[in-house]
Amino acid sequence: MMKKYLDLLVKYYNTLISRNVVAMIKKEISGYFYSLIAYIILVVFLFIIGYFFAAPLFIMNSATLRGVVDIIPLIMLFIIPALTMRLYSEEIKSGTIEILYTQPVYDYEILFGKYFSAVLFYSVILATTLIFPLILILIGSPDIGQIVAQYIGLFFTGAMFISVGIFSSVLTKNQVISYLISFLICFAFFMIGKIVIFFPGIISDVLGFIGLDSHYSNITRGVVDTRDLIYFISIISLFLYSALASLRAKR
């Protein structure tokens, strides 16, 4: 009898969490789609990516996604902090975070709801670029496996930057400061892997593992190694946990 009661309690508990997270995702994602800034970001993003796709195609007669794959992480350094800077900063500044705390919802449910809504919106942005591999398929015979791997790399890179952005948004109620913190942390991950050649031996190996470059390059070359996926999942978990710890410390 007790076991049946506990199983029922766990089932209800899990259902409650799911509903809270889904409700938070709906709230946040509607904020993106009703925001003019989000559409401006989307248009600018597609314009820049379109140029880097079309330039090799028409100038060098080279049908490849290499230019797109190389430039998207750099663009995301500027775009993702803009998408995430308001997630907590605005709530803290306006005081609506206090209203959320009075609801029957856990801190981590709010956090997951905000994180997954940002990842979902980023996925929509990324999905708009699928027209480019489709063009390659129509005019040539690209390596489909490599294209899939490239999009896996792009997705995890964006998801990692979003976790950094949420952590930065928790730290301050000023959105500009949140943007700068997020940009600097993401830029550090972006650059560390590119400067390892200037360091000797084990230092180079450690920096190479910490930096984004080697893991992203491995995946976008078509080698989806579990070690690289573990790297992305670990960094995402680290920053989400740090954001949650910071929220609880503030409370």
Protein backbone atom coordinates (compact mmCIF):
# COMPACT_ATOMS: atom_id res chain seq x y z
CA MET A 1 0.00 0.00 0.00
CA MET A 2 2.79 2.40 0.92
CA LYS A 3 4.69 1.58 -2.28
CA LYS A 4 1.57 2.25 -4.36
CA TYR A 5 1.11 5.61 -2.61
CA LEU A 6 4.76 6.58 -3.19
CA ASP A 7 4.57 5.60 -6.86
CA LEU A 8 1.44 7.73 -7.26
CA LEU A 9 3.11 10.63 -5.45
CA VAL A 10 6.19 10.42 -7.68
CA LYS A 11 4.02 10.26 -10.80
CA TYR A 12 2.05 13.35 -9.72
CA TYR A 13 5.26 15.14 -8.75
CA ASN A 14 6.82 14.51 -12.18
CA THR A 15 3.63 15.64 -13.90
CA LEU A 16 3.59 18.85 -11.86
CA ILE A 17 7.19 19.60 -12.80
CA SER A 18 6.50 18.97 -16.49
CA ARG A 19 3.54 21.31 -16.45
CA ASN A 20 5.49 24.05 -14.71
CA VAL A 21 8.42 23.81 -17.12
CA VAL A 22 6.11 23.72 -20.17
CA ALA A 23 4.18 26.73 -18.84
CA MET A 24 7.42 28.65 -18.38
CA ILE A 25 8.58 27.71 -21.88
CA LYS A 26 5.29 28.97 -23.36
CA LYS A 27 5.59 32.23 -21.45
CA GLU A 28 9.17 32.89 -22.52
CA ILE A 29 8.87 31.74 -26.13
CA SER A 30 5.88 34.03 -26.67
CA GLY A 31 8.10 36.87 -25.43
CA TYR A 32 10.59 36.07 -28.19
CA PHE A 33 8.05 35.89 -30.99
CA TYR A 34 6.36 39.12 -29.92
CA SER A 35 9.68 40.95 -29.70
CA LEU A 36 10.79 43.20 -32.57
CA ILE A 37 14.42 42.75 -31.57
CA ALA A 38 14.17 38.98 -32.11
CA TYR A 39 12.99 39.48 -35.69
CA ILE A 40 15.69 42.06 -36.38
CA ILE A 41 18.29 39.60 -35.09
CA LEU A 42 16.84 36.87 -37.31
CA VAL A 43 16.93 39.05 -40.45
CA VAL A 44 20.49 40.27 -39.79
CA PHE A 45 21.62 36.72 -39.06
CA LEU A 46 20.17 35.34 -42.31
CA PHE A 47 21.65 38.21 -44.32
CA ILE A 48 25.16 37.59 -42.98
CA ILE A 49 24.92 33.79 -43.31
CA GLY A 50 23.51 34.13 -46.82
CA TYR A 51 26.55 36.16 -47.85
CA PHE A 52 29.03 33.61 -46.51
CA PHE A 53 27.14 30.83 -48.26
CA ALA A 54 26.77 32.61 -51.60
CA ALA A 55 30.32 34.02 -51.82
CA PRO A 56 32.13 30.68 -52.28
CA LEU A 57 29.30 29.38 -54.44
CA PHE A 58 29.37 32.16 -57.03
CA ILE A 59 32.90 33.55 -56.73
CA MET A 60 34.94 30.36 -56.30
CA ASN A 61 32.36 27.92 -57.71
CA SER A 62 32.63 25.89 -54.49
CA ALA A 63 29.45 24.27 -53.13
CA THR A 64 30.16 23.96 -49.41
CA LEU A 65 28.81 24.90 -45.98
CA ARG A 66 32.31 25.48 -44.62
CA GLY A 67 32.00 29.27 -44.65
CA VAL A 68 28.61 29.11 -42.91
CA VAL A 69 29.82 26.63 -40.29
CA ASP A 70 32.91 28.72 -39.53
CA ILE A 71 31.10 32.05 -39.20
CA ILE A 72 27.99 31.08 -37.19
CA PRO A 73 29.79 30.65 -33.81
CA LEU A 74 31.36 34.09 -34.24
CA ILE A 75 27.97 35.64 -35.02
CA MET A 76 26.42 33.85 -32.06
CA LEU A 77 28.96 35.53 -29.77
CA PHE A 78 27.02 38.73 -30.38
CA ILE A 79 23.49 37.42 -30.93
CA ILE A 80 22.98 34.95 -28.07
CA PRO A 81 23.91 37.39 -25.26
CA ALA A 82 21.25 39.70 -26.74
CA LEU A 83 18.68 36.89 -26.65
CA THR A 84 19.45 35.85 -23.07
CA MET A 85 20.30 39.12 -21.31
CA ARG A 86 16.67 39.83 -20.40
CA LEU A 87 15.69 36.36 -19.19
CA TYR A 88 16.46 37.03 -15.52
CA SER A 89 17.76 40.61 -15.52
CA GLU A 90 14.39 42.00 -16.58
CA GLU A 91 12.54 39.87 -14.02
CA ILE A 92 14.88 40.97 -11.24
CA LYS A 93 14.71 44.65 -12.20
CA SER A 94 10.92 44.77 -12.56
CA GLY A 95 10.30 42.66 -9.46
CA THR A 96 8.27 40.01 -11.30
CA ILE A 97 10.75 37.39 -10.12
CA GLU A 98 9.20 37.79 -6.66
CA ILE A 99 5.79 36.93 -8.11
CA LEU A 100 7.26 33.78 -9.65
CA TYR A 101 8.69 32.80 -6.27
CA THR A 102 5.21 32.96 -4.73
CA GLN A 103 3.90 30.41 -7.24
CA PRO A 104 4.03 26.63 -6.67
CA VAL A 105 7.13 26.30 -8.84
CA TYR A 106 10.73 25.41 -8.05
CA ASP A 107 13.76 27.52 -8.91
CA TYR A 108 15.10 24.89 -11.27
CA GLU A 109 11.75 24.69 -13.09
CA ILE A 110 11.94 28.40 -13.81
CA LEU A 111 15.55 27.99 -14.89
CA PHE A 112 14.83 25.04 -17.20
CA GLY A 113 11.82 26.81 -18.66
CA LYS A 114 13.87 29.88 -19.53
CA TYR A 115 16.78 27.81 -20.82
CA PHE A 116 14.71 25.53 -23.05
CA SER A 117 12.71 28.45 -24.44
CA ALA A 118 15.95 30.16 -25.50
CA VAL A 119 17.26 26.89 -26.98
CA LEU A 120 13.97 26.45 -28.84
CA PHE A 121 14.15 29.94 -30.30
CA TYR A 122 17.79 29.38 -31.27
CA SER A 123 16.72 26.14 -32.96
CA VAL A 124 14.19 28.11 -35.00
CA ILE A 125 16.93 30.51 -36.07
CA LEU A 126 19.17 27.58 -36.97
CA ALA A 127 16.35 25.87 -38.87
CA THR A 128 16.02 28.87 -41.18
CA THR A 129 19.50 28.08 -42.51
CA LEU A 130 18.43 24.62 -43.71
CA ILE A 131 17.71 26.23 -47.07
CA PHE A 132 21.47 26.33 -47.69
CA PRO A 133 22.16 22.57 -47.45
CA LEU A 134 18.99 22.01 -49.46
CA ILE A 135 20.47 24.16 -52.24
CA LEU A 136 23.69 22.13 -52.07
CA ILE A 137 21.71 18.90 -52.42
CA LEU A 138 19.88 20.27 -55.46
CA ILE A 139 23.01 21.42 -57.30
CA GLY A 140 25.52 18.79 -56.18
CA SER A 141 26.22 15.72 -54.08
CA PRO A 142 27.31 16.92 -50.62
CA ASP A 143 28.16 14.59 -47.75
CA ILE A 144 24.82 14.37 -45.90
CA GLY A 145 26.45 12.79 -42.84
CA GLN A 146 28.86 15.68 -42.50
CA ILE A 147 26.05 18.22 -42.89
CA VAL A 148 24.11 16.51 -40.08
CA ALA A 149 27.25 16.53 -37.91
CA GLN A 150 27.79 20.23 -38.65
CA TYR A 151 24.29 21.07 -37.46
CA ILE A 152 24.83 18.99 -34.33
CA GLY A 153 27.95 21.06 -33.63
CA LEU A 154 26.08 24.31 -34.28
CA PHE A 155 23.22 23.27 -32.00
CA PHE A 156 25.44 22.32 -29.06
CA THR A 157 27.56 25.45 -29.45
CA GLY A 158 24.45 27.63 -29.31
CA ALA A 159 23.07 25.65 -26.35
CA MET A 160 26.37 26.16 -24.53
CA PHE A 161 26.37 29.93 -25.18
CA ILE A 162 22.76 30.13 -23.97
CA SER A 163 23.67 28.50 -20.65
CA VAL A 164 26.41 31.13 -20.24
CA GLY A 165 23.90 33.86 -21.10
CA ILE A 166 21.42 32.68 -18.48
CA PHE A 167 24.14 32.52 -15.84
CA SER A 168 25.15 36.09 -16.71
CA SER A 169 21.54 37.27 -16.59
CA VAL A 170 21.14 35.88 -13.06
CA LEU A 171 24.12 37.88 -11.81
CA THR A 172 22.74 41.36 -12.46
CA LYS A 173 19.54 43.28 -13.07
CA ASN A 174 21.29 45.45 -15.66
CA GLN A 175 20.78 43.94 -19.11
CA VAL A 176 23.78 45.71 -20.63
CA ILE A 177 26.09 44.32 -17.94
CA SER A 178 24.52 40.88 -18.44
CA TYR A 179 25.23 41.13 -22.17
CA LEU A 180 28.86 42.09 -21.60
CA ILE A 181 29.49 39.31 -19.06
CA SER A 182 27.94 36.73 -21.35
CA PHE A 183 29.89 37.99 -24.37
CA LEU A 184 33.21 37.97 -22.53
CA ILE A 185 32.77 34.43 -21.17
CA CYS A 186 31.68 33.07 -24.56
CA PHE A 187 34.51 34.95 -26.26
CA ALA A 188 36.99 33.38 -23.82
CA PHE A 189 35.78 29.87 -24.71
CA PHE A 190 35.87 30.83 -28.40
CA MET A 191 39.44 32.16 -28.29
CA ILE A 192 41.15 29.74 -25.89
CA GLY A 193 41.19 26.98 -28.46
CA LYS A 194 42.71 29.29 -31.06
CA ILE A 195 45.72 30.35 -28.96
CA VAL A 196 46.87 26.94 -27.69
CA ILE A 197 49.72 26.95 -30.22
CA PHE A 198 51.41 29.66 -28.15
CA PHE A 199 51.60 27.45 -25.04
CA PRO A 200 53.86 24.46 -24.37
CA GLY A 201 53.08 20.83 -23.55
CA ILE A 202 50.45 20.04 -20.97
CA ILE A 203 49.23 23.65 -20.75
CA SER A 204 48.40 23.49 -24.44
CA ASP A 205 46.52 20.21 -23.93
CA VAL A 206 44.49 21.57 -21.01
CA LEU A 207 43.60 24.80 -22.81
CA GLY A 208 42.75 22.81 -25.92
CA PHE A 209 40.27 20.74 -23.94
CA ILE A 210 38.73 23.77 -22.21
CA GLY A 211 38.44 25.78 -25.41
CA LEU A 212 35.52 25.40 -27.80
CA ASP A 213 37.55 25.22 -30.99
CA SER A 214 38.82 21.62 -30.99
CA HIS A 215 35.49 20.09 -29.93
CA TYR A 216 33.49 22.13 -32.44
CA SER A 217 35.97 21.42 -35.24
CA ASN A 218 35.89 17.67 -34.58
CA ILE A 219 32.11 17.52 -34.83
CA THR A 220 31.81 19.77 -37.90
CA ARG A 221 34.37 17.63 -39.72
CA GLY A 222 31.90 14.79 -39.36
CA VAL A 223 33.41 13.08 -36.31
CA VAL A 224 30.70 13.03 -33.63
CA ASP A 225 32.80 11.80 -30.70
CA THR A 226 31.13 11.20 -27.33
CA ARG A 227 34.01 13.05 -25.64
CA ASP A 228 33.07 16.22 -27.51
CA LEU A 229 29.39 15.79 -26.66
CA ILE A 230 30.31 15.24 -23.00
CA TYR A 231 32.31 18.47 -23.13
CA PHE A 232 29.30 20.49 -24.29
CA ILE A 233 26.91 18.81 -21.85
CA SER A 234 29.37 19.39 -18.98
CA ILE A 235 29.80 23.10 -19.74
CA ILE A 236 26.04 23.56 -20.10
CA SER A 237 25.43 21.75 -16.80
CA LEU A 238 28.14 23.77 -15.05
CA PHE A 239 26.66 27.14 -15.99
CA LEU A 240 23.06 26.12 -15.35
CA TYR A 241 24.04 24.77 -11.92
CA SER A 242 25.99 27.98 -11.21
CA ALA A 243 22.96 30.04 -12.22
CA LEU A 244 20.74 27.98 -9.91
CA ALA A 245 23.21 28.32 -7.02
CA SER A 246 23.36 32.08 -7.57
CA LEU A 247 19.55 32.32 -7.58
CA ARG A 248 19.29 30.42 -4.31
CA ALA A 249 22.02 32.58 -2.77
CA LYS A 250 20.09 35.73 -3.74
CA ARG A 251 16.91 34.36 -2.13
